[in-house]
């Protein structure tokens, strides 16, 4: 999918992207149906091809694609699966309906989330295995992008714990400290592929006594941060329990 063949008759689709406030409204399905409809008018296109993770197979099947099988592509920790839609045999999809356009005009739904101080203790946000019991999401109201899925991170105490350099911006209230009143952090290993959505700052010198430069973690959707940190060498990634939201 990384090479363009000007004489090819297959179109490779990278992804369908929908801004977070407009998700769960049928927008992605409508966009895909509209794209397929336009491709059906292209005489030089025979098929649409894509690869996706297992949680999106059903979505693409609903858009007319057929499951081909597991892909040989290796990128990240999760497996990829091939999907195909033959233009010559596909049924004509519906156009974008007025209901979808009306949905786009509705106010964005609020993401159901809680903050750490609303739980009785840190143990209340852990499952029976000791891992995070909820999706960890961006705490900014109106964003709520999923940063880490549930069942990925464990609580641990980093040594030494970093301190915020004074030039970095602070989060809006109530997040007054990097990890206020808590020694334990959410620990994610072994690679950034464990995250659903995260951004990294440029390496900076830690204020906590370590000689190894660190990077600060933030929300890749709205750039809110820092929400955590990691050493520039990678391997261990830390999120502050008091600086993320908990999807419930």
Protein backbone atom coordinates (compact mmCIF):
# COMPACT_ATOMS: atom_id res chain seq x y z
CA UNK A 1 0.00 0.00 0.00
CA UNK A 2 3.03 2.27 0.10
CA UNK A 3 3.64 2.17 -3.68
CA UNK A 4 1.46 3.88 -6.28
CA UNK A 5 0.91 2.07 -9.58
CA UNK A 6 -0.56 4.53 -12.13
CA UNK A 7 -1.87 1.61 -14.21
CA UNK A 8 -3.38 -0.28 -11.27
CA UNK A 9 -7.10 -0.92 -10.98
CA UNK A 10 -7.28 -1.24 -7.19
CA UNK A 11 -7.74 1.61 -4.71
CA UNK A 12 -6.13 1.11 -1.30
CA UNK A 13 -7.88 2.88 1.57
CA UNK A 14 -5.76 3.96 4.52
CA UNK A 15 -8.44 4.85 7.08
CA UNK A 16 -11.74 6.60 7.73
CA UNK A 17 -11.22 9.52 10.12
CA UNK A 18 -14.02 11.25 12.01
CA UNK A 19 -13.48 14.06 14.52
CA UNK A 20 -14.27 12.86 18.09
CA UNK A 21 -17.32 15.12 18.64
CA UNK A 22 -19.07 13.56 15.61
CA UNK A 23 -18.40 9.88 16.28
CA UNK A 24 -21.15 7.35 17.06
CA UNK A 25 -23.56 9.18 14.74
CA UNK A 26 -23.19 7.10 11.57
CA UNK A 27 -20.88 9.64 9.95
CA UNK A 28 -18.11 7.12 9.18
CA UNK A 29 -20.58 4.73 7.51
CA UNK A 30 -22.06 7.54 5.46
CA UNK A 31 -18.64 8.75 4.35
CA UNK A 32 -17.61 5.26 3.29
CA UNK A 33 -20.86 4.62 1.42
CA UNK A 34 -20.49 7.92 -0.39
CA UNK A 35 -16.89 7.11 -1.31
CA UNK A 36 -17.89 3.69 -2.67
CA UNK A 37 -20.67 5.31 -4.66
CA UNK A 38 -18.21 7.70 -6.29
CA UNK A 39 -15.74 4.91 -7.03
CA UNK A 40 -18.50 3.02 -8.87
CA UNK A 41 -18.50 5.80 -11.45
CA UNK A 42 -14.76 5.44 -12.09
CA UNK A 43 -14.24 3.11 -15.10
CA UNK A 44 -10.62 2.37 -14.17
CA UNK A 45 -11.38 1.11 -10.64
CA UNK A 46 -12.20 -2.57 -10.13
CA UNK A 47 -11.94 -2.94 -6.37
CA UNK A 48 -11.30 -1.24 -3.03
CA UNK A 49 -8.78 -2.78 -0.65
CA UNK A 50 -7.85 -2.08 2.96
CA UNK A 51 -6.43 -3.64 6.10
CA UNK A 52 -7.85 -3.08 9.57
CA UNK A 53 -7.80 -4.43 13.11
CA UNK A 54 -10.33 -7.04 14.22
CA UNK A 55 -12.55 -4.49 15.96
CA UNK A 56 -13.27 -2.75 12.62
CA UNK A 57 -13.99 -5.84 10.49
CA UNK A 58 -17.71 -5.70 11.22
CA UNK A 59 -17.86 -1.98 10.39
CA UNK A 60 -16.34 -2.49 6.94
CA UNK A 61 -18.54 -5.53 6.30
CA UNK A 62 -21.56 -3.31 6.94
CA UNK A 63 -20.15 -0.94 4.30
CA UNK A 64 -20.07 -3.73 1.70
CA UNK A 65 -16.55 -5.08 2.12
CA UNK A 66 -15.81 -8.80 2.33
CA UNK A 67 -13.41 -10.37 4.79
CA UNK A 68 -10.42 -11.88 2.96
CA UNK A 69 -8.27 -13.14 5.82
CA UNK A 70 -5.37 -12.29 8.08
CA UNK A 71 -2.82 -9.94 6.52
CA UNK A 72 0.92 -10.55 6.38
CA UNK A 73 1.48 -6.88 7.25
CA UNK A 74 3.26 -6.39 10.58
CA UNK A 75 2.91 -2.94 12.12
CA UNK A 76 2.50 -2.65 15.88
CA UNK A 77 1.46 -5.36 18.31
CA UNK A 78 -2.02 -6.09 16.90
CA UNK A 79 -2.84 -8.27 13.88
CA UNK A 80 -4.20 -6.81 10.63
CA UNK A 81 -6.97 -8.28 8.46
CA UNK A 82 -7.59 -7.79 4.73
CA UNK A 83 -10.91 -6.51 3.38
CA UNK A 84 -12.02 -6.19 -0.25
CA UNK A 85 -14.95 -4.66 -2.10
CA UNK A 86 -15.34 -5.58 -5.78
CA UNK A 87 -16.80 -2.56 -7.54
CA UNK A 88 -18.30 -4.59 -10.38
CA UNK A 89 -20.36 -6.78 -8.01
CA UNK A 90 -21.08 -4.39 -5.15
CA UNK A 91 -24.57 -3.12 -4.64
CA UNK A 92 -25.18 0.57 -4.98
CA UNK A 93 -24.79 2.17 -1.55
CA UNK A 94 -27.16 4.72 -0.16
CA UNK A 95 -26.30 8.38 -0.45
CA UNK A 96 -25.65 10.40 2.66
CA UNK A 97 -29.05 10.81 4.26
CA UNK A 98 -30.54 14.05 5.58
CA UNK A 99 -30.55 12.45 9.03
CA UNK A 100 -26.74 12.26 9.01
CA UNK A 101 -26.41 15.92 8.09
CA UNK A 102 -28.89 16.79 10.83
CA UNK A 103 -26.84 14.76 13.29
CA UNK A 104 -23.75 16.78 12.40
CA UNK A 105 -25.54 19.93 13.50
CA UNK A 106 -26.49 18.56 16.91
CA UNK A 107 -24.38 19.51 19.93
CA UNK A 108 -21.52 17.11 20.55
CA UNK A 109 -22.36 14.51 23.22
CA UNK A 110 -20.49 14.71 26.49
CA UNK A 111 -18.15 11.81 27.09
CA UNK A 112 -19.13 9.90 30.24
CA UNK A 113 -16.05 10.23 32.39
CA UNK A 114 -14.99 10.60 35.98
CA UNK A 115 -11.87 11.95 37.59
CA UNK A 116 -9.70 10.29 40.19
CA UNK A 117 -11.00 12.36 43.10
CA UNK A 118 -14.52 11.00 42.47
CA UNK A 119 -13.41 7.46 43.36
CA UNK A 120 -12.97 6.25 46.94
CA UNK A 121 -9.35 5.19 46.34
CA UNK A 122 -6.88 4.08 43.68
CA UNK A 123 -8.02 0.49 44.22
CA UNK A 124 -11.44 1.49 42.88
CA UNK A 125 -9.98 2.09 39.42
CA UNK A 126 -8.21 -1.29 39.24
CA UNK A 127 -9.66 -4.58 38.04
CA UNK A 128 -9.19 -7.98 39.68
CA UNK A 129 -5.80 -8.34 37.96
CA UNK A 130 -4.59 -4.98 39.26
CA UNK A 131 -4.79 -3.30 35.84
CA UNK A 132 -6.75 -0.17 34.91
CA UNK A 133 -10.45 -1.04 35.05
CA UNK A 134 -11.52 1.83 32.78
CA UNK A 135 -10.34 3.38 29.55
CA UNK A 136 -8.03 6.29 30.36
CA UNK A 137 -9.12 9.32 28.38
CA UNK A 138 -8.17 12.95 27.84
CA UNK A 139 -9.57 14.95 30.79
CA UNK A 140 -10.42 18.00 28.71
CA UNK A 141 -14.18 18.56 28.49
CA UNK A 142 -15.25 18.21 24.86
CA UNK A 143 -12.32 15.98 23.89
CA UNK A 144 -12.38 12.73 25.85
CA UNK A 145 -10.14 10.96 23.33
CA UNK A 146 -9.17 7.46 24.47
CA UNK A 147 -5.50 7.46 25.43
CA UNK A 148 -5.29 3.92 26.78
CA UNK A 149 -7.76 1.03 26.73
CA UNK A 150 -8.69 -0.75 29.94
CA UNK A 151 -6.62 -3.72 31.12
CA UNK A 152 -3.26 -2.38 29.91
CA UNK A 153 -1.61 -0.37 32.71
CA UNK A 154 -0.54 -1.32 36.23
CA UNK A 155 0.10 0.98 39.17
CA UNK A 156 3.72 1.38 40.22
CA UNK A 157 6.04 3.91 41.83
CA UNK A 158 8.70 5.35 39.51
CA UNK A 159 12.14 6.11 40.84
CA UNK A 160 12.94 8.91 40.77
CA UNK A 161 9.62 10.66 40.20
CA UNK A 162 10.04 13.55 37.73
CA UNK A 163 9.08 17.11 38.46
CA UNK A 164 7.57 19.59 36.05
CA UNK A 165 10.07 22.06 34.64
CA UNK A 166 8.74 25.57 35.28
CA UNK A 167 8.46 26.46 31.58
CA UNK A 168 5.90 23.71 30.84
CA UNK A 169 2.23 24.76 30.91
CA UNK A 170 0.07 23.61 33.79
CA UNK A 171 -3.23 21.88 33.27
CA UNK A 172 -6.42 23.79 34.12
CA UNK A 173 -7.97 23.23 37.54
CA UNK A 174 -8.35 20.82 39.29
CA UNK A 175 -5.05 19.38 38.03
CA UNK A 176 -2.69 21.54 40.07
CA UNK A 177 0.23 19.12 40.23
CA UNK A 178 1.67 16.49 37.92
CA UNK A 179 0.40 13.73 40.20
CA UNK A 180 -1.02 15.54 43.19
CA UNK A 181 -1.14 13.53 46.43
CA UNK A 182 -0.33 10.20 44.77
CA UNK A 183 2.96 8.33 44.57
CA UNK A 184 1.70 5.61 42.22
CA UNK A 185 1.48 6.10 38.47
CA UNK A 186 -0.06 4.08 35.66
CA UNK A 187 2.81 2.12 34.10
CA UNK A 188 2.54 1.06 30.45
CA UNK A 189 5.05 -1.27 28.79
CA UNK A 190 6.83 -2.20 26.55
CA UNK A 191 6.23 0.21 23.64
CA UNK A 192 4.10 3.22 22.64
CA UNK A 193 2.03 0.87 20.46
CA UNK A 194 0.16 -0.01 23.66
CA UNK A 195 -1.51 3.42 23.52
CA UNK A 196 -4.58 4.24 21.49
CA UNK A 197 -3.70 7.91 21.19
CA UNK A 198 -0.76 9.78 22.70
CA UNK A 199 1.72 12.51 21.83
CA UNK A 200 5.30 13.00 22.98
CA UNK A 201 7.23 16.17 23.67
CA UNK A 202 10.80 16.70 22.60
CA UNK A 203 13.37 15.24 25.04
CA UNK A 204 13.99 17.53 28.01
CA UNK A 205 16.17 17.27 31.08
CA UNK A 206 14.32 15.86 34.07
CA UNK A 207 13.95 18.08 37.14
CA UNK A 208 13.81 15.07 39.45
CA UNK A 209 17.50 14.24 39.63
CA UNK A 210 17.79 11.72 36.79
CA UNK A 211 20.49 12.34 34.20
CA UNK A 212 18.44 10.65 31.47
CA UNK A 213 16.33 13.04 29.35
CA UNK A 214 12.58 12.46 29.47
CA UNK A 215 9.62 13.13 27.20
CA UNK A 216 6.25 14.35 28.40
CA UNK A 217 3.05 12.61 27.28
CA UNK A 218 -0.05 14.43 26.10
CA UNK A 219 -3.31 14.01 24.20
CA UNK A 220 -2.67 13.69 20.47
CA UNK A 221 -6.18 14.98 19.67
CA UNK A 222 -6.15 18.33 21.50
CA UNK A 223 -2.51 18.63 22.69
CA UNK A 224 -3.49 18.83 26.37
CA UNK A 225 -0.59 17.92 28.60
CA UNK A 226 1.54 16.89 30.19
CA UNK A 227 -0.44 13.85 31.31
CA UNK A 228 2.62 11.72 32.03
CA UNK A 229 6.20 11.07 31.00
CA UNK A 230 8.70 8.49 29.78
CA UNK A 231 12.45 8.29 29.52
CA UNK A 232 13.74 9.29 26.11
CA UNK A 233 15.07 5.74 25.73
CA UNK A 234 11.50 4.36 25.97
CA UNK A 235 10.41 1.02 27.43
CA UNK A 236 8.36 2.40 30.33
CA UNK A 237 5.60 4.99 29.99
CA UNK A 238 3.94 6.64 32.99
CA UNK A 239 0.54 8.35 33.20
CA UNK A 240 -0.48 10.35 36.26
CA UNK A 241 -3.73 8.90 37.71
CA UNK A 242 -4.90 12.38 38.69
CA UNK A 243 -4.31 13.86 35.24
CA UNK A 244 -6.46 11.55 33.09
CA UNK A 245 -10.18 10.90 32.89
CA UNK A 246 -11.80 7.51 33.48
CA UNK A 247 -14.44 6.41 30.96
CA UNK A 248 -17.37 4.82 32.77
